[in-house]
């Protein structure tokens, strides 16, 4: 009985700890949509198209699953270059490529 209670309390604690992060992610997405609607950031589909039109990325395959850093307003876009994954960092406000790994 004690073991079941301990497992239940641990599970509830883990679930409760995850809620603020999920809520924050939803807020970031809402803020991003609002900023795009107001013209403060470039819509994601346009950013992807712009990056794909620039060499050397025009020869790469876009993998999807973009990551967004709301604090820095930077997207991390994943591309496949042959057998290597390339991450391209793009400023959401200007569309400027600000970094690449590798």
Protein backbone atom coordinates (compact mmCIF):
# COMPACT_ATOMS: atom_id res chain seq x y z
CA UNK A 1 0.00 0.00 0.00
CA UNK A 2 2.81 2.41 0.92
CA UNK A 3 4.58 1.62 -2.34
CA UNK A 4 1.48 2.41 -4.44
CA UNK A 5 0.96 5.68 -2.56
CA UNK A 6 4.60 6.67 -3.14
CA UNK A 7 4.40 5.89 -6.87
CA UNK A 8 1.12 7.79 -7.17
CA UNK A 9 2.52 10.88 -5.40
CA UNK A 10 5.66 10.79 -7.54
CA UNK A 11 3.58 10.57 -10.72
CA UNK A 12 1.37 13.48 -9.70
CA UNK A 13 4.43 15.57 -8.86
CA UNK A 14 5.99 14.89 -12.26
CA UNK A 15 2.78 15.73 -14.09
CA UNK A 16 2.33 18.96 -12.13
CA UNK A 17 5.91 20.02 -12.89
CA UNK A 18 5.32 19.60 -16.64
CA UNK A 19 2.21 21.79 -16.84
CA UNK A 20 3.92 25.20 -16.57
CA UNK A 21 6.38 24.33 -19.36
CA UNK A 22 3.55 23.20 -21.64
CA UNK A 23 1.53 26.31 -20.84
CA UNK A 24 4.56 28.51 -21.51
CA UNK A 25 5.06 26.79 -24.88
CA UNK A 26 1.45 27.50 -25.80
CA UNK A 27 1.88 31.16 -24.79
CA UNK A 28 5.03 31.42 -26.91
CA UNK A 29 3.17 30.03 -29.91
CA UNK A 30 0.25 32.41 -29.34
CA UNK A 31 2.63 35.37 -29.03
CA UNK A 32 4.45 34.28 -32.17
CA UNK A 33 1.19 34.03 -34.15
CA UNK A 34 0.15 37.48 -32.94
CA UNK A 35 3.54 38.95 -33.86
CA UNK A 36 3.34 37.39 -37.34
CA UNK A 37 -0.18 38.75 -37.83
CA UNK A 38 1.06 42.24 -36.87
CA UNK A 39 4.03 41.99 -39.23
CA UNK A 40 6.62 41.96 -36.42
CA UNK A 41 8.02 38.58 -37.49
CA UNK A 42 8.14 36.79 -40.80
CA UNK A 43 5.72 33.85 -41.04
CA UNK A 44 7.48 30.50 -40.70
CA UNK A 45 6.47 29.15 -44.12
CA UNK A 46 7.95 32.25 -45.77
CA UNK A 47 11.19 31.95 -43.75
CA UNK A 48 11.57 28.32 -44.80
CA UNK A 49 10.94 29.18 -48.46
CA UNK A 50 13.48 32.02 -48.32
CA UNK A 51 16.18 29.83 -46.75
CA UNK A 52 15.48 27.00 -49.25
CA UNK A 53 15.96 29.47 -52.13
CA UNK A 54 19.51 30.40 -51.01
CA UNK A 55 22.59 28.35 -51.89
CA UNK A 56 23.77 26.05 -50.38
CA UNK A 57 20.41 25.33 -48.74
CA UNK A 58 18.62 25.18 -52.12
CA UNK A 59 20.29 21.81 -52.69
CA UNK A 60 19.30 20.45 -49.28
CA UNK A 61 16.12 18.76 -48.08
CA UNK A 62 14.16 20.56 -45.34
CA UNK A 63 13.39 18.08 -42.55
CA UNK A 64 10.69 20.01 -40.71
CA UNK A 65 10.24 20.21 -36.94
CA UNK A 66 11.38 23.81 -36.48
CA UNK A 67 12.39 24.93 -33.01
CA UNK A 68 11.72 28.49 -31.83
CA UNK A 69 13.64 30.44 -29.19
CA UNK A 70 11.13 33.09 -28.10
CA UNK A 71 13.68 34.99 -26.03
CA UNK A 72 16.03 35.52 -28.96
CA UNK A 73 13.34 35.33 -31.70
CA UNK A 74 15.40 32.72 -33.55
CA UNK A 75 14.21 29.67 -35.48
CA UNK A 76 16.34 26.54 -35.77
CA UNK A 77 15.54 24.88 -39.09
CA UNK A 78 16.82 21.37 -39.90
CA UNK A 79 18.09 20.42 -43.33
CA UNK A 80 19.64 17.24 -44.71
CA UNK A 81 22.86 17.70 -46.70
CA UNK A 82 23.72 14.26 -48.06
CA UNK A 83 23.96 12.18 -44.90
CA UNK A 84 24.50 15.10 -42.52
CA UNK A 85 21.87 17.11 -40.63
CA UNK A 86 22.49 20.85 -40.84
CA UNK A 87 20.76 23.24 -38.45
CA UNK A 88 20.27 26.76 -39.77
CA UNK A 89 19.49 29.55 -37.28
CA UNK A 90 17.25 32.27 -38.71
CA UNK A 91 16.17 35.58 -37.14
CA UNK A 92 12.34 35.52 -37.16
CA UNK A 93 12.15 39.32 -37.47
CA UNK A 94 14.52 39.89 -40.40
CA UNK A 95 14.86 36.48 -42.08
CA UNK A 96 18.63 36.80 -41.78
CA UNK A 97 20.60 33.59 -41.28
CA UNK A 98 22.47 34.12 -38.02
CA UNK A 99 24.20 30.77 -37.64
CA UNK A 100 24.63 27.23 -38.79
CA UNK A 101 25.62 23.95 -37.20
CA UNK A 102 27.77 22.27 -38.68
